[in-house]
Amino acid sequence: MALALDIMKGGFSAGSAKAIGGQANTAVSAAGTAITDATDLTLSINIVTTAAASSGVQLPNADIGDSVDILNLGANAVTVYPPSATAQINALTAGAGFLLATNTAVTLKKFSSLRWMGFLSA
């Protein structure tokens, strides 16, 4: 993805350039212990800064082809859940989440109506 500055050089406004590149929430607090009460992510770039033990975040409803980035800078691993109990991340059971360790990131891309794939950092 091009930088917002490069997009603006093409004649787009700053607001349009940022929308194309994605919006960031730099202070996400993970919550809950299940898909039903995890913190709902609403932007495409998310930095978890507060993560109690066993807390989680839930992917937003998105269009096929959309991506969501999550960086966990919290004190504990965070469970990342799909947007619904019928959606699936990688080969996990529908509705199941995976643990994102502290100081790691994941990019999740929606490939079909119910299937997301995660690409994990080292």
N, C-alpha and C. Protein backbone atom coordinates (compact mmCIF):
# COMPACT_ATOMS: atom_id res chain seq x y z
N MET A 1 0.85 -1.17 0.00
CA MET A 1 0.00 0.00 0.00
C MET A 1 0.89 1.24 0.00
N ALA A 2 0.52 2.18 -0.79
CA ALA A 2 1.27 3.43 -0.88
C ALA A 2 1.10 4.25 0.40
N LEU A 3 2.09 5.08 0.69
CA LEU A 3 1.99 6.00 1.82
C LEU A 3 0.98 7.10 1.50
N ALA A 4 0.34 7.64 2.53
CA ALA A 4 -0.64 8.71 2.33
C ALA A 4 -0.02 9.88 1.58
N LEU A 5 1.24 10.20 1.87
CA LEU A 5 1.91 11.31 1.17
C LEU A 5 1.99 11.06 -0.32
N ASP A 6 2.27 9.83 -0.70
CA ASP A 6 2.34 9.50 -2.13
C ASP A 6 0.97 9.58 -2.79
N ILE A 7 -0.07 9.16 -2.06
CA ILE A 7 -1.42 9.23 -2.61
C ILE A 7 -1.83 10.69 -2.79
N MET A 8 -1.47 11.56 -1.84
CA MET A 8 -1.80 12.99 -1.96
C MET A 8 -1.09 13.62 -3.15
N LYS A 9 0.11 13.14 -3.47
CA LYS A 9 0.83 13.65 -4.65
C LYS A 9 0.07 13.35 -5.93
N GLY A 10 -0.81 12.35 -5.89
CA GLY A 10 -1.64 12.01 -7.04
C GLY A 10 -2.90 12.84 -7.14
N GLY A 11 -3.07 13.80 -6.23
CA GLY A 11 -4.21 14.70 -6.30
C GLY A 11 -5.33 14.41 -5.31
N PHE A 12 -5.16 13.42 -4.47
CA PHE A 12 -6.19 13.12 -3.47
C PHE A 12 -6.02 14.03 -2.26
N SER A 13 -7.11 14.31 -1.57
CA SER A 13 -7.05 15.10 -0.33
C SER A 13 -6.40 14.26 0.76
N ALA A 14 -5.97 14.93 1.83
CA ALA A 14 -5.36 14.22 2.96
C ALA A 14 -6.34 13.22 3.55
N GLY A 15 -7.60 13.60 3.69
CA GLY A 15 -8.61 12.70 4.24
C GLY A 15 -8.81 11.47 3.37
N SER A 16 -8.87 11.68 2.06
CA SER A 16 -9.04 10.55 1.14
C SER A 16 -7.82 9.65 1.18
N ALA A 17 -6.63 10.24 1.22
CA ALA A 17 -5.40 9.45 1.26
C ALA A 17 -5.33 8.59 2.51
N LYS A 18 -5.74 9.14 3.65
CA LYS A 18 -5.72 8.37 4.89
C LYS A 18 -6.76 7.26 4.85
N ALA A 19 -7.93 7.54 4.25
CA ALA A 19 -8.96 6.50 4.15
C ALA A 19 -8.49 5.35 3.27
N ILE A 20 -7.79 5.66 2.20
CA ILE A 20 -7.27 4.62 1.31
C ILE A 20 -6.24 3.77 2.04
N GLY A 21 -5.37 4.42 2.82
CA GLY A 21 -4.31 3.71 3.52
C GLY A 21 -4.76 3.00 4.78
N GLY A 22 -5.92 3.37 5.30
CA GLY A 22 -6.44 2.76 6.52
C GLY A 22 -6.33 3.69 7.71
N GLN A 23 -7.26 3.56 8.61
CA GLN A 23 -7.30 4.36 9.84
C GLN A 23 -6.76 3.53 10.99
N ALA A 24 -6.12 4.21 11.96
CA ALA A 24 -5.48 3.50 13.07
C ALA A 24 -6.12 3.85 14.41
N ASN A 25 -6.27 2.84 15.24
CA ASN A 25 -6.60 3.01 16.65
C ASN A 25 -5.35 2.61 17.40
N THR A 26 -4.68 3.57 18.00
CA THR A 26 -3.38 3.32 18.64
C THR A 26 -3.49 3.00 20.12
N ALA A 27 -4.70 2.84 20.64
CA ALA A 27 -4.87 2.55 22.06
C ALA A 27 -6.07 1.63 22.29
N VAL A 28 -5.97 0.40 21.79
CA VAL A 28 -7.04 -0.58 21.97
C VAL A 28 -6.85 -1.28 23.31
N SER A 29 -7.94 -1.41 24.06
CA SER A 29 -7.92 -2.18 25.31
C SER A 29 -8.68 -3.49 25.06
N ALA A 30 -7.96 -4.59 25.12
CA ALA A 30 -8.60 -5.90 24.95
C ALA A 30 -9.48 -6.17 26.16
N ALA A 31 -10.60 -6.87 25.94
CA ALA A 31 -11.54 -7.13 27.04
C ALA A 31 -12.22 -8.47 26.82
N GLY A 32 -12.95 -8.90 27.84
CA GLY A 32 -13.75 -10.11 27.74
C GLY A 32 -12.90 -11.37 27.68
N THR A 33 -13.59 -12.49 27.70
CA THR A 33 -12.91 -13.78 27.65
C THR A 33 -13.52 -14.72 26.61
N ALA A 34 -14.42 -14.18 25.76
CA ALA A 34 -15.09 -14.99 24.74
C ALA A 34 -15.42 -14.10 23.54
N ILE A 35 -15.82 -14.73 22.44
CA ILE A 35 -16.17 -13.99 21.23
C ILE A 35 -17.31 -13.00 21.51
N THR A 36 -18.18 -13.32 22.46
CA THR A 36 -19.35 -12.49 22.73
C THR A 36 -19.04 -11.21 23.51
N ASP A 37 -17.89 -11.15 24.19
CA ASP A 37 -17.59 -9.94 24.99
C ASP A 37 -16.20 -9.37 24.74
N ALA A 38 -15.55 -9.82 23.68
CA ALA A 38 -14.24 -9.27 23.32
C ALA A 38 -14.41 -7.85 22.78
N THR A 39 -13.36 -7.07 22.82
CA THR A 39 -13.38 -5.70 22.28
C THR A 39 -13.57 -5.75 20.78
N ASP A 40 -14.55 -5.02 20.27
CA ASP A 40 -14.80 -4.95 18.83
C ASP A 40 -13.80 -4.00 18.17
N LEU A 41 -13.07 -4.50 17.19
CA LEU A 41 -12.18 -3.65 16.41
C LEU A 41 -13.00 -2.96 15.33
N THR A 42 -12.75 -1.66 15.12
CA THR A 42 -13.55 -0.91 14.16
C THR A 42 -12.71 -0.28 13.05
N LEU A 43 -11.40 -0.33 13.17
CA LEU A 43 -10.52 0.27 12.17
C LEU A 43 -9.61 -0.80 11.57
N SER A 44 -8.89 -0.43 10.52
CA SER A 44 -8.05 -1.41 9.83
C SER A 44 -6.68 -1.61 10.47
N ILE A 45 -6.23 -0.65 11.28
CA ILE A 45 -4.94 -0.76 11.97
C ILE A 45 -5.21 -0.61 13.46
N ASN A 46 -4.79 -1.59 14.25
CA ASN A 46 -5.12 -1.63 15.67
C ASN A 46 -3.90 -1.96 16.50
N ILE A 47 -3.63 -1.13 17.51
CA ILE A 47 -2.52 -1.38 18.42
C ILE A 47 -3.11 -1.63 19.81
N VAL A 48 -2.98 -2.86 20.28
CA VAL A 48 -3.47 -3.21 21.61
C VAL A 48 -2.42 -2.75 22.61
N THR A 49 -2.83 -1.85 23.51
CA THR A 49 -1.91 -1.33 24.53
C THR A 49 -2.26 -1.83 25.92
N THR A 50 -3.48 -2.28 26.11
CA THR A 50 -3.92 -2.82 27.39
C THR A 50 -4.49 -4.20 27.16
N ALA A 51 -3.89 -5.20 27.82
CA ALA A 51 -4.32 -6.58 27.62
C ALA A 51 -4.25 -7.34 28.94
N ALA A 52 -5.39 -7.44 29.60
CA ALA A 52 -5.46 -8.25 30.81
C ALA A 52 -5.35 -9.73 30.41
N ALA A 53 -5.02 -10.57 31.37
CA ALA A 53 -4.93 -12.00 31.10
C ALA A 53 -6.26 -12.52 30.56
N SER A 54 -6.21 -13.34 29.54
CA SER A 54 -7.37 -13.98 28.91
C SER A 54 -8.30 -13.03 28.16
N SER A 55 -7.88 -11.80 27.90
CA SER A 55 -8.73 -10.84 27.19
C SER A 55 -8.61 -11.03 25.68
N GLY A 56 -9.54 -10.39 24.93
CA GLY A 56 -9.53 -10.59 23.50
C GLY A 56 -10.06 -9.41 22.71
N VAL A 57 -9.91 -9.53 21.38
CA VAL A 57 -10.44 -8.56 20.42
C VAL A 57 -11.16 -9.33 19.33
N GLN A 58 -12.12 -8.67 18.68
CA GLN A 58 -12.91 -9.32 17.64
C GLN A 58 -12.81 -8.53 16.35
N LEU A 59 -12.57 -9.25 15.26
CA LEU A 59 -12.47 -8.61 13.95
C LEU A 59 -13.78 -7.94 13.58
N PRO A 60 -13.70 -6.87 12.78
CA PRO A 60 -14.93 -6.21 12.33
C PRO A 60 -15.57 -6.97 11.18
N ASN A 61 -16.84 -6.69 10.93
CA ASN A 61 -17.46 -7.16 9.70
C ASN A 61 -16.77 -6.42 8.57
N ALA A 62 -16.40 -7.10 7.53
CA ALA A 62 -15.61 -6.47 6.47
C ALA A 62 -16.02 -7.06 5.13
N ASP A 63 -15.54 -6.42 4.08
CA ASP A 63 -15.78 -6.92 2.73
C ASP A 63 -14.66 -7.88 2.33
N ILE A 64 -14.95 -8.79 1.42
CA ILE A 64 -13.92 -9.68 0.89
C ILE A 64 -12.80 -8.83 0.31
N GLY A 65 -11.57 -9.17 0.66
CA GLY A 65 -10.40 -8.42 0.22
C GLY A 65 -9.88 -7.44 1.26
N ASP A 66 -10.70 -7.11 2.27
CA ASP A 66 -10.25 -6.19 3.32
C ASP A 66 -9.22 -6.86 4.21
N SER A 67 -8.34 -6.03 4.79
CA SER A 67 -7.33 -6.51 5.73
C SER A 67 -7.41 -5.73 7.03
N VAL A 68 -7.06 -6.41 8.12
CA VAL A 68 -7.01 -5.79 9.43
C VAL A 68 -5.65 -6.14 10.03
N ASP A 69 -4.95 -5.12 10.54
CA ASP A 69 -3.66 -5.31 11.19
C ASP A 69 -3.83 -5.14 12.69
N ILE A 70 -3.20 -6.03 13.47
CA ILE A 70 -3.24 -5.94 14.92
C ILE A 70 -1.83 -6.10 15.45
N LEU A 71 -1.40 -5.17 16.29
CA LEU A 71 -0.12 -5.25 16.99
C LEU A 71 -0.42 -5.32 18.47
N ASN A 72 0.09 -6.34 19.14
CA ASN A 72 -0.15 -6.50 20.58
C ASN A 72 1.04 -5.98 21.37
N LEU A 73 0.88 -4.81 21.98
CA LEU A 73 1.90 -4.25 22.87
C LEU A 73 1.45 -4.32 24.32
N GLY A 74 0.40 -5.07 24.59
CA GLY A 74 -0.10 -5.23 25.95
C GLY A 74 0.79 -6.16 26.76
N ALA A 75 0.45 -6.29 28.03
CA ALA A 75 1.26 -7.09 28.96
C ALA A 75 1.01 -8.59 28.82
N ASN A 76 -0.07 -8.98 28.14
CA ASN A 76 -0.44 -10.39 28.02
C ASN A 76 -0.81 -10.72 26.58
N ALA A 77 -0.80 -12.02 26.27
CA ALA A 77 -1.30 -12.46 24.97
C ALA A 77 -2.78 -12.10 24.86
N VAL A 78 -3.23 -11.87 23.64
CA VAL A 78 -4.60 -11.48 23.36
C VAL A 78 -5.22 -12.52 22.43
N THR A 79 -6.46 -12.91 22.69
CA THR A 79 -7.16 -13.81 21.78
C THR A 79 -7.83 -12.98 20.70
N VAL A 80 -7.57 -13.33 19.44
CA VAL A 80 -8.16 -12.64 18.29
C VAL A 80 -9.28 -13.54 17.76
N TYR A 81 -10.51 -13.00 17.78
CA TYR A 81 -11.69 -13.74 17.36
C TYR A 81 -12.15 -13.27 15.98
N PRO A 82 -12.81 -14.16 15.22
CA PRO A 82 -13.43 -13.74 13.96
C PRO A 82 -14.63 -12.83 14.25
N PRO A 83 -15.22 -12.23 13.23
CA PRO A 83 -16.33 -11.31 13.46
C PRO A 83 -17.65 -11.98 13.87
N SER A 84 -17.76 -13.28 13.70
CA SER A 84 -18.99 -13.98 14.09
C SER A 84 -18.66 -15.42 14.46
N ALA A 85 -19.62 -16.07 15.10
CA ALA A 85 -19.43 -17.47 15.50
C ALA A 85 -19.41 -18.42 14.32
N THR A 86 -19.80 -17.95 13.13
CA THR A 86 -19.78 -18.81 11.95
C THR A 86 -18.56 -18.54 11.06
N ALA A 87 -17.81 -17.49 11.36
CA ALA A 87 -16.61 -17.17 10.57
C ALA A 87 -15.41 -17.94 11.12
N GLN A 88 -14.39 -18.08 10.27
CA GLN A 88 -13.24 -18.92 10.60
C GLN A 88 -11.95 -18.21 10.26
N ILE A 89 -10.96 -18.35 11.13
CA ILE A 89 -9.61 -17.83 10.89
C ILE A 89 -8.69 -19.03 10.65
N ASN A 90 -7.98 -19.02 9.53
CA ASN A 90 -7.10 -20.13 9.15
C ASN A 90 -7.86 -21.45 9.27
N ALA A 91 -7.27 -22.45 9.91
CA ALA A 91 -7.91 -23.77 10.02
C ALA A 91 -8.60 -23.97 11.37
N LEU A 92 -8.81 -22.88 12.11
CA LEU A 92 -9.48 -22.99 13.40
C LEU A 92 -10.96 -23.31 13.22
N THR A 93 -11.57 -23.83 14.25
CA THR A 93 -13.01 -24.07 14.25
C THR A 93 -13.75 -22.74 14.09
N ALA A 94 -14.89 -22.74 13.45
CA ALA A 94 -15.69 -21.52 13.30
C ALA A 94 -15.94 -20.90 14.66
N GLY A 95 -15.72 -19.59 14.76
CA GLY A 95 -15.93 -18.85 16.00
C GLY A 95 -14.77 -18.88 16.96
N ALA A 96 -13.77 -19.72 16.70
CA ALA A 96 -12.62 -19.84 17.61
C ALA A 96 -11.61 -18.74 17.34
N GLY A 97 -10.95 -18.31 18.40
CA GLY A 97 -9.89 -17.32 18.29
C GLY A 97 -8.52 -17.95 18.45
N PHE A 98 -7.49 -17.16 18.18
CA PHE A 98 -6.12 -17.62 18.39
C PHE A 98 -5.39 -16.62 19.27
N LEU A 99 -4.35 -17.08 19.94
CA LEU A 99 -3.57 -16.21 20.83
C LEU A 99 -2.53 -15.43 20.03
N LEU A 100 -2.55 -14.11 20.20
CA LEU A 100 -1.53 -13.23 19.62
C LEU A 100 -0.62 -12.82 20.77
N ALA A 101 0.62 -13.32 20.73
CA ALA A 101 1.57 -13.07 21.80
C ALA A 101 1.90 -11.58 21.90
N THR A 102 2.36 -11.18 23.06
CA THR A 102 2.77 -9.80 23.24
C THR A 102 3.97 -9.49 22.33
N ASN A 103 4.04 -8.27 21.87
CA ASN A 103 5.09 -7.79 20.97
C ASN A 103 5.11 -8.51 19.63
N THR A 104 3.96 -9.00 19.18
CA THR A 104 3.83 -9.57 17.85
C THR A 104 2.66 -8.91 17.13
N ALA A 105 2.64 -9.08 15.83
CA ALA A 105 1.58 -8.49 15.01
C ALA A 105 1.03 -9.55 14.06
N VAL A 106 -0.19 -9.29 13.57
CA VAL A 106 -0.81 -10.16 12.60
C VAL A 106 -1.57 -9.30 11.59
N THR A 107 -1.52 -9.69 10.34
CA THR A 107 -2.37 -9.12 9.31
C THR A 107 -3.38 -10.19 8.95
N LEU A 108 -4.65 -9.85 9.04
CA LEU A 108 -5.73 -10.79 8.70
C LEU A 108 -6.45 -10.28 7.48
N LYS A 109 -6.64 -11.14 6.49
CA LYS A 109 -7.29 -10.78 5.24
C LYS A 109 -8.52 -11.65 5.06
N LYS A 110 -9.61 -11.01 4.64
CA LYS A 110 -10.86 -11.74 4.40
C LYS A 110 -10.87 -12.24 2.97
N PHE A 111 -10.93 -13.58 2.80
CA PHE A 111 -10.88 -14.20 1.48
C PHE A 111 -12.24 -14.64 0.96
N SER A 112 -13.20 -14.88 1.85
CA SER A 112 -14.55 -15.27 1.43
C SER A 112 -15.52 -14.77 2.48
N SER A 113 -16.78 -15.06 2.30
CA SER A 113 -17.78 -14.53 3.23
C SER A 113 -17.57 -14.97 4.67
N LEU A 114 -16.94 -16.13 4.87
CA LEU A 114 -16.74 -16.64 6.24
C LEU A 114 -15.30 -17.01 6.56
N ARG A 115 -14.36 -16.73 5.66
CA ARG A 115 -12.99 -17.21 5.87
C ARG A 115 -11.97 -16.07 5.87
N TRP A 116 -11.21 -16.02 6.96
CA TRP A 116 -10.11 -15.07 7.13
C TRP A 116 -8.80 -15.87 7.20
N MET A 117 -7.72 -15.28 6.70
CA MET A 117 -6.38 -15.88 6.83
C MET A 117 -5.50 -14.89 7.58
N GLY A 118 -4.73 -15.41 8.52
CA GLY A 118 -3.83 -14.57 9.30
C GLY A 118 -2.39 -14.81 8.90
N PHE A 119 -1.64 -13.71 8.84
CA PHE A 119 -0.21 -13.74 8.50
C PHE A 119 0.53 -13.14 9.69
N LEU A 120 1.22 -13.97 10.45
CA LEU A 120 1.79 -13.61 11.73
C LEU A 120 3.23 -13.14 11.62
N SER A 121 3.58 -12.11 12.42
CA SER A 121 4.97 -11.64 12.46
C SER A 121 5.82 -12.62 13.25
N ALA A 122 7.12 -12.43 13.19
CA ALA A 122 8.04 -13.29 13.93
C ALA A 122 8.05 -12.92 15.40
